Amino acid sequence: MKKLLLLSFAFITFSCSSQLPKGFSYLADIDTTIQSELRYITHNNFIGKPIDGYIKNTVIVSTPTAHALKKVQEKLNDFGLSLKIFDAYRPQQSVDHFVRWAKMLNDTLMKQQYYPNVKKKDLFKLDYIAAKSGHTRGSTVDITIVDIRTGKELDMGSSYDFFGVPSHPFYPGITKEQRSNRFLLRNLMLEAGFKPYAKEWWHFTLKNEPFLDSYFNFPIK
């Protein structure tokens, strides 16, 4: 195990591929029913290519986060619904990849799908991209709800990682059903001890996260 301290943040790299740092868990070891589709391992994301640090579609989170998600899942299962994870723990190398991309203003391959009404140069200013991410602390998740029977995601009024006002949780320009779906997710996550993000209906962070000042950099595999 090698620890690298940079400025006031702790960046931690683990060379062992079979062992997570203490306090982290594979979500599947806590709950086998929660679905996942890690977008950053695919080309279907706002950059348009796989992101550094994502090697396998494996959800990793802090252990308290895993147990909190299990509580939400148990409630949803009673109604034939399931959580679906788009992103969870995110290595610092992935965040660095985002930052490099954001500075390449001519690379707008996925603009029409993910940020049609936002200028790329404004992504930092509008807090859609940052040099430090709560995901890298292991207790933040990007999440939605799916119908177990059909496998379809509930309609939330905007797609995951859509940068713009329609993704704000209280955006008024959506249907009653879409608003209801957003609040179902939000209320269940609040009850389980998560706090929401004001600009993304899918983004939640465990209130009592265990690694408040540590930013990890082990790959997802």
C-alpha atoms as a PDB file:
ATOM      1  CA  MET A   1       0.000   0.000   0.000  1.00  0.00           C
ATOM      2  CA  LYS A   2       1.412   3.363  -1.000  1.00  0.00           C
ATOM      3  CA  LYS A   3       0.128   6.671   0.331  1.00  0.00           C
ATOM      4  CA  LEU A   4       0.687   9.934  -1.458  1.00  0.00           C
ATOM      5  CA  LEU A   5      -0.085  13.174   0.352  1.00  0.00           C
ATOM      6  CA  LEU A   6      -0.629  16.157  -1.937  1.00  0.00           C
ATOM      7  CA  LEU A   7      -1.276  19.614  -0.456  1.00  0.00           C
ATOM      8  CA  SER A   8      -4.088  19.243   2.090  1.00  0.00           C
ATOM      9  CA  PHE A   9      -5.730  16.256   0.403  1.00  0.00           C
ATOM     10  CA  ALA A  10      -4.875  12.590   0.845  1.00  0.00           C
ATOM     11  CA  PHE A  11      -4.666  10.722  -2.436  1.00  0.00           C
ATOM     12  CA  ILE A  12      -4.359   6.999  -1.816  1.00  0.00           C
ATOM     13  CA  THR A  13      -3.343   4.404  -4.401  1.00  0.00           C
ATOM     14  CA  PHE A  14      -3.668   0.686  -3.702  1.00  0.00           C
ATOM     15  CA  SER A  15      -1.650  -1.700  -5.831  1.00  0.00           C
ATOM     16  CA  CYS A  16      -3.490  -4.851  -4.764  1.00  0.00           C
ATOM     17  CA  SER A  17      -6.311  -5.573  -7.227  1.00  0.00           C
ATOM     18  CA  SER A  18      -8.136  -8.059  -4.999  1.00  0.00           C
ATOM     19  CA  GLN A  19      -8.355  -6.013  -1.826  1.00  0.00           C
ATOM     20  CA  LEU A  20     -10.165  -2.739  -1.247  1.00  0.00           C
ATOM     21  CA  PRO A  21      -8.951  -0.176   1.277  1.00  0.00           C
ATOM     22  CA  LYS A  22     -10.393  -0.566   4.750  1.00  0.00           C
ATOM     23  CA  GLY A  23     -13.847   0.944   4.969  1.00  0.00           C
ATOM     24  CA  PHE A  24     -14.800   0.215   1.349  1.00  0.00           C
ATOM     25  CA  SER A  25     -16.983  -2.576  -0.020  1.00  0.00           C
ATOM     26  CA  TYR A  26     -18.100  -4.031  -3.305  1.00  0.00           C
ATOM     27  CA  LEU A  27     -21.806  -3.217  -3.317  1.00  0.00           C
ATOM     28  CA  ALA A  28     -22.610  -6.712  -4.588  1.00  0.00           C
ATOM     29  CA  ASP A  29     -21.162  -8.142  -1.370  1.00  0.00           C
ATOM     30  CA  ILE A  30     -23.802  -6.219   0.598  1.00  0.00           C
ATOM     31  CA  ASP A  31     -26.745  -6.427  -1.812  1.00  0.00           C
ATOM     32  CA  THR A  32     -26.809  -8.592  -4.922  1.00  0.00           C
ATOM     33  CA  THR A  33     -30.052  -7.133  -6.307  1.00  0.00           C
ATOM     34  CA  ILE A  34     -29.069  -3.502  -6.933  1.00  0.00           C
ATOM     35  CA  GLN A  35     -28.537  -2.974 -10.641  1.00  0.00           C
ATOM     36  CA  SER A  36     -25.663  -1.058 -12.203  1.00  0.00           C
ATOM     37  CA  GLU A  37     -24.595   0.511 -15.473  1.00  0.00           C
ATOM     38  CA  LEU A  38     -21.340   2.356 -14.915  1.00  0.00           C
ATOM     39  CA  ARG A  39     -21.468   4.817 -17.792  1.00  0.00           C
ATOM     40  CA  TYR A  40     -17.836   5.857 -17.527  1.00  0.00           C
ATOM     41  CA  ILE A  41     -16.615   2.431 -18.560  1.00  0.00           C
ATOM     42  CA  THR A  42     -18.478   2.891 -21.870  1.00  0.00           C
ATOM     43  CA  HIS A  43     -18.645   5.416 -24.719  1.00  0.00           C
ATOM     44  CA  ASN A  44     -22.118   6.504 -23.564  1.00  0.00           C
ATOM     45  CA  ASN A  45     -21.090   9.444 -21.404  1.00  0.00           C
ATOM     46  CA  PHE A  46     -20.564  13.188 -21.787  1.00  0.00           C
ATOM     47  CA  ILE A  47     -16.996  12.724 -23.069  1.00  0.00           C
ATOM     48  CA  GLY A  48     -17.829   9.920 -25.494  1.00  0.00           C
ATOM     49  CA  LYS A  49     -15.120   7.435 -24.523  1.00  0.00           C
ATOM     50  CA  PRO A  50     -14.194   5.207 -21.546  1.00  0.00           C
ATOM     51  CA  ILE A  51     -12.758   7.151 -18.630  1.00  0.00           C
ATOM     52  CA  ASP A  52      -9.391   6.521 -16.980  1.00  0.00           C
ATOM     53  CA  GLY A  53      -9.654   4.291 -13.907  1.00  0.00           C
ATOM     54  CA  TYR A  54     -12.820   2.435 -14.958  1.00  0.00           C
ATOM     55  CA  ILE A  55     -11.840  -1.132 -15.814  1.00  0.00           C
ATOM     56  CA  LYS A  56     -14.865  -3.204 -14.788  1.00  0.00           C
ATOM     57  CA  ASN A  57     -18.589  -2.601 -14.234  1.00  0.00           C
ATOM     58  CA  THR A  58     -18.169  -3.047 -10.496  1.00  0.00           C
ATOM     59  CA  VAL A  59     -19.810  -0.755  -7.954  1.00  0.00           C
ATOM     60  CA  ILE A  60     -17.514   0.214  -5.078  1.00  0.00           C
ATOM     61  CA  VAL A  61     -18.601   2.461  -2.213  1.00  0.00           C
ATOM     62  CA  SER A  62     -17.757   3.114   1.394  1.00  0.00           C
ATOM     63  CA  THR A  63     -19.186   0.351   3.559  1.00  0.00           C
ATOM     64  CA  PRO A  64     -21.712   2.601   5.358  1.00  0.00           C
ATOM     65  CA  THR A  65     -22.949   3.787   1.949  1.00  0.00           C
ATOM     66  CA  ALA A  66     -23.446   0.187   0.825  1.00  0.00           C
ATOM     67  CA  HIS A  67     -25.594  -0.599   3.855  1.00  0.00           C
ATOM     68  CA  ALA A  68     -27.629   2.589   3.410  1.00  0.00           C
ATOM     69  CA  LEU A  69     -28.304   1.709  -0.231  1.00  0.00           C
ATOM     70  CA  LYS A  70     -29.413  -1.757   0.834  1.00  0.00           C
ATOM     71  CA  LYS A  71     -32.101  -0.170   3.034  1.00  0.00           C
ATOM     72  CA  VAL A  72     -33.415   1.842   0.095  1.00  0.00           C
ATOM     73  CA  GLN A  73     -33.378  -1.242  -2.127  1.00  0.00           C
ATOM     74  CA  GLU A  74     -35.399  -3.279   0.347  1.00  0.00           C
ATOM     75  CA  LYS A  75     -38.152  -0.651   0.316  1.00  0.00           C
ATOM     76  CA  LEU A  76     -38.188  -0.442  -3.482  1.00  0.00           C
ATOM     77  CA  ASN A  77     -38.261  -4.220  -3.897  1.00  0.00           C
ATOM     78  CA  ASP A  78     -41.622  -4.336  -2.128  1.00  0.00           C
ATOM     79  CA  PHE A  79     -43.063  -2.419  -5.092  1.00  0.00           C
ATOM     80  CA  GLY A  80     -41.260  -4.305  -7.849  1.00  0.00           C
ATOM     81  CA  LEU A  81     -38.648  -1.580  -8.237  1.00  0.00           C
ATOM     82  CA  SER A  82     -34.867  -1.472  -7.952  1.00  0.00           C
ATOM     83  CA  LEU A  83     -32.067   1.019  -7.625  1.00  0.00           C
ATOM     84  CA  LYS A  84     -29.713   1.372 -10.569  1.00  0.00           C
ATOM     85  CA  ILE A  85     -26.218   2.820 -10.126  1.00  0.00           C
ATOM     86  CA  PHE A  86     -24.655   4.945 -12.864  1.00  0.00           C
ATOM     87  CA  ASP A  87     -21.602   5.915 -10.824  1.00  0.00           C
ATOM     88  CA  ALA A  88     -20.331   5.458  -7.283  1.00  0.00           C
ATOM     89  CA  TYR A  89     -16.712   5.543  -6.102  1.00  0.00           C
ATOM     90  CA  ARG A  90     -14.693   7.393  -8.757  1.00  0.00           C
ATOM     91  CA  PRO A  91     -10.863   7.383  -8.796  1.00  0.00           C
ATOM     92  CA  GLN A  92      -9.039  10.721  -8.794  1.00  0.00           C
ATOM     93  CA  GLN A  93      -7.487   9.729 -12.119  1.00  0.00           C
ATOM     94  CA  SER A  94     -10.999   9.757 -13.586  1.00  0.00           C
ATOM     95  CA  VAL A  95     -11.671  13.240 -12.246  1.00  0.00           C
ATOM     96  CA  ASP A  96      -8.345  14.354 -13.739  1.00  0.00           C
ATOM     97  CA  HIS A  97      -9.530  12.927 -17.081  1.00  0.00           C
ATOM     98  CA  PHE A  98     -12.689  15.061 -16.834  1.00  0.00           C
ATOM     99  CA  VAL A  99     -10.629  18.163 -16.086  1.00  0.00           C
ATOM    100  CA  ARG A 100      -8.289  17.592 -19.042  1.00  0.00           C
ATOM    101  CA  TRP A 101     -11.265  17.111 -21.334  1.00  0.00           C
ATOM    102  CA  ALA A 102     -13.041  20.218 -20.059  1.00  0.00           C
ATOM    103  CA  LYS A 103     -10.028  22.330 -21.023  1.00  0.00           C
ATOM    104  CA  MET A 104     -10.087  20.979 -24.604  1.00  0.00           C
ATOM    105  CA  LEU A 105     -12.813  23.340 -25.804  1.00  0.00           C
ATOM    106  CA  ASN A 106     -12.903  21.968 -29.345  1.00  0.00           C
ATOM    107  CA  ASP A 107     -13.813  18.442 -28.173  1.00  0.00           C
ATOM    108  CA  THR A 108     -17.605  18.629 -28.168  1.00  0.00           C
ATOM    109  CA  LEU A 109     -18.441  15.176 -29.515  1.00  0.00           C
ATOM    110  CA  MET A 110     -21.324  14.585 -27.075  1.00  0.00           C
ATOM    111  CA  LYS A 111     -22.567  18.166 -26.710  1.00  0.00           C
ATOM    112  CA  GLN A 112     -25.990  17.675 -28.306  1.00  0.00           C
ATOM    113  CA  GLN A 113     -26.787  14.732 -26.072  1.00  0.00           C
ATOM    114  CA  TYR A 114     -25.376  15.909 -22.749  1.00  0.00           C
ATOM    115  CA  TYR A 115     -24.975  19.702 -22.686  1.00  0.00           C
ATOM    116  CA  PRO A 116     -26.778  21.260 -25.682  1.00  0.00           C
ATOM    117  CA  ASN A 117     -27.614  24.509 -23.909  1.00  0.00           C
ATOM    118  CA  VAL A 118     -24.410  24.944 -21.893  1.00  0.00           C
ATOM    119  CA  LYS A 119     -21.151  26.288 -23.282  1.00  0.00           C
ATOM    120  CA  LYS A 120     -18.307  23.898 -22.593  1.00  0.00           C
ATOM    121  CA  LYS A 121     -16.152  26.702 -21.218  1.00  0.00           C
ATOM    122  CA  ASP A 122     -18.783  27.245 -18.509  1.00  0.00           C
ATOM    123  CA  LEU A 123     -18.866  23.669 -17.168  1.00  0.00           C
ATOM    124  CA  PHE A 124     -16.456  24.535 -14.326  1.00  0.00           C
ATOM    125  CA  LYS A 125     -18.187  27.811 -13.465  1.00  0.00           C
ATOM    126  CA  LEU A 126     -21.580  26.109 -13.310  1.00  0.00           C
ATOM    127  CA  ASP A 127     -20.244  23.300 -11.084  1.00  0.00           C
ATOM    128  CA  TYR A 128     -20.915  20.472 -13.506  1.00  0.00           C
ATOM    129  CA  ILE A 129     -17.220  19.562 -13.445  1.00  0.00           C
ATOM    130  CA  ALA A 130     -14.733  20.122 -10.611  1.00  0.00           C
ATOM    131  CA  ALA A 131     -11.114  19.239  -9.885  1.00  0.00           C
ATOM    132  CA  LYS A 132     -12.246  17.506  -6.676  1.00  0.00           C
ATOM    133  CA  SER A 133     -15.285  15.236  -6.549  1.00  0.00           C
ATOM    134  CA  GLY A 134     -17.218  13.790  -3.651  1.00  0.00           C
ATOM    135  CA  HIS A 135     -17.345  10.553  -5.634  1.00  0.00           C
ATOM    136  CA  THR A 136     -13.635  10.106  -4.982  1.00  0.00           C
ATOM    137  CA  ARG A 137     -14.335   9.909  -1.245  1.00  0.00           C
ATOM    138  CA  GLY A 138     -16.476   6.825  -1.843  1.00  0.00           C
ATOM    139  CA  SER A 139     -19.812   7.915  -0.386  1.00  0.00           C
ATOM    140  CA  THR A 140     -21.463   9.642  -3.341  1.00  0.00           C
ATOM    141  CA  VAL A 141     -23.655   7.820  -5.850  1.00  0.00           C
ATOM    142  CA  ASP A 142     -25.390   8.679  -9.117  1.00  0.00           C
ATOM    143  CA  ILE A 143     -28.559   6.663  -9.115  1.00  0.00           C
ATOM    144  CA  THR A 144     -32.031   6.088 -10.512  1.00  0.00           C
ATOM    145  CA  ILE A 145     -34.928   3.646 -10.184  1.00  0.00           C
ATOM    146  CA  VAL A 146     -35.934   0.868 -12.596  1.00  0.00           C
ATOM    147  CA  ASP A 147     -38.997  -1.319 -12.961  1.00  0.00           C
ATOM    148  CA  ILE A 148     -37.764  -4.850 -12.252  1.00  0.00           C
ATOM    149  CA  ARG A 149     -40.378  -6.462 -14.495  1.00  0.00           C
ATOM    150  CA  THR A 150     -39.646  -4.396 -17.600  1.00  0.00           C
ATOM    151  CA  GLY A 151     -36.057  -3.392 -16.856  1.00  0.00           C
ATOM    152  CA  LYS A 152     -36.913   0.172 -17.842  1.00  0.00           C
ATOM    153  CA  GLU A 153     -35.793   3.224 -15.899  1.00  0.00           C
ATOM    154  CA  LEU A 154     -38.529   5.407 -14.426  1.00  0.00           C
ATOM    155  CA  ASP A 155     -38.965   8.643 -16.380  1.00  0.00           C
ATOM    156  CA  MET A 156     -37.179  11.366 -14.442  1.00  0.00           C
ATOM    157  CA  GLY A 157     -37.695  14.166 -16.949  1.00  0.00           C
ATOM    158  CA  SER A 158     -34.057  14.372 -18.041  1.00  0.00           C
ATOM    159  CA  SER A 159     -31.385  11.787 -18.708  1.00  0.00           C
ATOM    160  CA  TYR A 160     -28.490  10.953 -16.437  1.00  0.00           C
ATOM    161  CA  ASP A 161     -25.580  13.419 -16.700  1.00  0.00           C
ATOM    162  CA  PHE A 162     -27.603  15.943 -18.689  1.00  0.00           C
ATOM    163  CA  PHE A 163     -25.926  19.240 -17.846  1.00  0.00           C
ATOM    164  CA  GLY A 164     -28.604  21.885 -17.599  1.00  0.00           C
ATOM    165  CA  VAL A 165     -31.522  23.317 -15.655  1.00  0.00           C
ATOM    166  CA  PRO A 166     -33.913  20.447 -16.576  1.00  0.00           C
ATOM    167  CA  SER A 167     -31.796  18.180 -14.341  1.00  0.00           C
ATOM    168  CA  HIS A 168     -32.263  20.374 -11.268  1.00  0.00           C
ATOM    169  CA  PRO A 169     -34.419  18.369  -8.832  1.00  0.00           C
ATOM    170  CA  PHE A 170     -37.149  21.012  -8.577  1.00  0.00           C
ATOM    171  CA  TYR A 171     -37.236  21.998 -12.247  1.00  0.00           C
ATOM    172  CA  PRO A 172     -40.872  22.968 -12.918  1.00  0.00           C
ATOM    173  CA  GLY A 173     -40.989  22.078 -16.603  1.00  0.00           C
ATOM    174  CA  ILE A 174     -41.613  18.357 -16.198  1.00  0.00           C
ATOM    175  CA  THR A 175     -44.759  16.268 -15.942  1.00  0.00           C
ATOM    176  CA  LYS A 176     -46.501  15.260 -12.733  1.00  0.00           C
ATOM    177  CA  GLU A 177     -45.337  11.664 -13.211  1.00  0.00           C
ATOM    178  CA  GLN A 178     -41.707  12.717 -13.753  1.00  0.00           C
ATOM    179  CA  ARG A 179     -41.833  14.915 -10.667  1.00  0.00           C
ATOM    180  CA  SER A 180     -43.326  12.060  -8.651  1.00  0.00           C
ATOM    181  CA  ASN A 181     -40.534   9.732  -9.760  1.00  0.00           C
ATOM    182  CA  ARG A 182     -37.873  12.247  -8.770  1.00  0.00           C
ATOM    183  CA  PHE A 183     -39.405  12.716  -5.345  1.00  0.00           C
ATOM    184  CA  LEU A 184     -39.762   8.984  -4.777  1.00  0.00           C
ATOM    185  CA  LEU A 185     -36.023   8.611  -5.281  1.00  0.00           C
ATOM    186  CA  ARG A 186     -35.200  11.753  -3.318  1.00  0.00           C
ATOM    187  CA  ASN A 187     -37.377  10.917  -0.321  1.00  0.00           C
ATOM    188  CA  LEU A 188     -36.092   7.360  -0.025  1.00  0.00           C
ATOM    189  CA  MET A 189     -32.486   8.553  -0.198  1.00  0.00           C
ATOM    190  CA  LEU A 190     -33.125  11.259   2.393  1.00  0.00           C
ATOM    191  CA  GLU A 191     -34.706   8.690   4.725  1.00  0.00           C
ATOM    192  CA  ALA A 192     -31.621   6.497   4.346  1.00  0.00           C
ATOM    193  CA  GLY A 193     -29.267   9.297   5.399  1.00  0.00           C
ATOM    194  CA  PHE A 194     -28.205  10.808   2.087  1.00  0.00           C
ATOM    195  CA  LYS A 195     -28.144  14.457   1.079  1.00  0.00           C
ATOM    196  CA  PRO A 196     -29.052  15.527  -2.474  1.00  0.00           C
ATOM    197  CA  TYR A 197     -27.215  17.851  -4.858  1.00  0.00           C
ATOM    198  CA  ALA A 198     -29.084  20.964  -6.003  1.00  0.00           C
ATOM    199  CA  LYS A 199     -28.255  20.626  -9.716  1.00  0.00           C
ATOM    200  CA  GLU A 200     -28.651  16.887 -10.362  1.00  0.00           C
ATOM    201  CA  TRP A 201     -31.672  14.775  -9.449  1.00  0.00           C
ATOM    202  CA  TRP A 202     -29.518  11.597  -9.519  1.00  0.00           C
ATOM    203  CA  HIS A 203     -26.665  12.724  -7.216  1.00  0.00           C
ATOM    204  CA  PHE A 204     -26.619  11.850  -3.496  1.00  0.00           C
ATOM    205  CA  THR A 205     -23.933  11.813  -0.790  1.00  0.00           C
ATOM    206  CA  LEU A 206     -24.084  10.006   2.545  1.00  0.00           C
ATOM    207  CA  LYS A 207     -24.441  12.669   5.252  1.00  0.00           C
ATOM    208  CA  ASN A 208     -22.082  10.954   7.677  1.00  0.00           C
ATOM    209  CA  GLU A 209     -19.505   9.930   5.097  1.00  0.00           C
ATOM    210  CA  PRO A 210     -16.424   8.293   6.656  1.00  0.00           C
ATOM    211  CA  PHE A 211     -13.697   9.788   4.423  1.00  0.00           C
ATOM    212  CA  LEU A 212     -14.469  13.484   4.449  1.00  0.00           C
ATOM    213  CA  ASP A 213     -10.936  14.662   3.571  1.00  0.00           C
ATOM    214  CA  SER A 214      -9.515  11.695   1.654  1.00  0.00           C
ATOM    215  CA  TYR A 215      -9.568  11.420  -2.138  1.00  0.00           C
ATOM    216  CA  PHE A 216      -8.787   7.892  -3.333  1.00  0.00           C
ATOM    217  CA  ASN A 217      -7.196   6.786  -6.584  1.00  0.00           C
ATOM    218  CA  PHE A 218      -7.430   2.990  -6.803  1.00  0.00           C
ATOM    219  CA  PRO A 219      -8.997   1.776 -10.091  1.00  0.00           C
ATOM    220  CA  ILE A 220     -12.433   0.202 -10.385  1.00  0.00           C
ATOM    221  CA  LYS A 221     -11.946  -3.469 -11.162  1.00  0.00           C
END
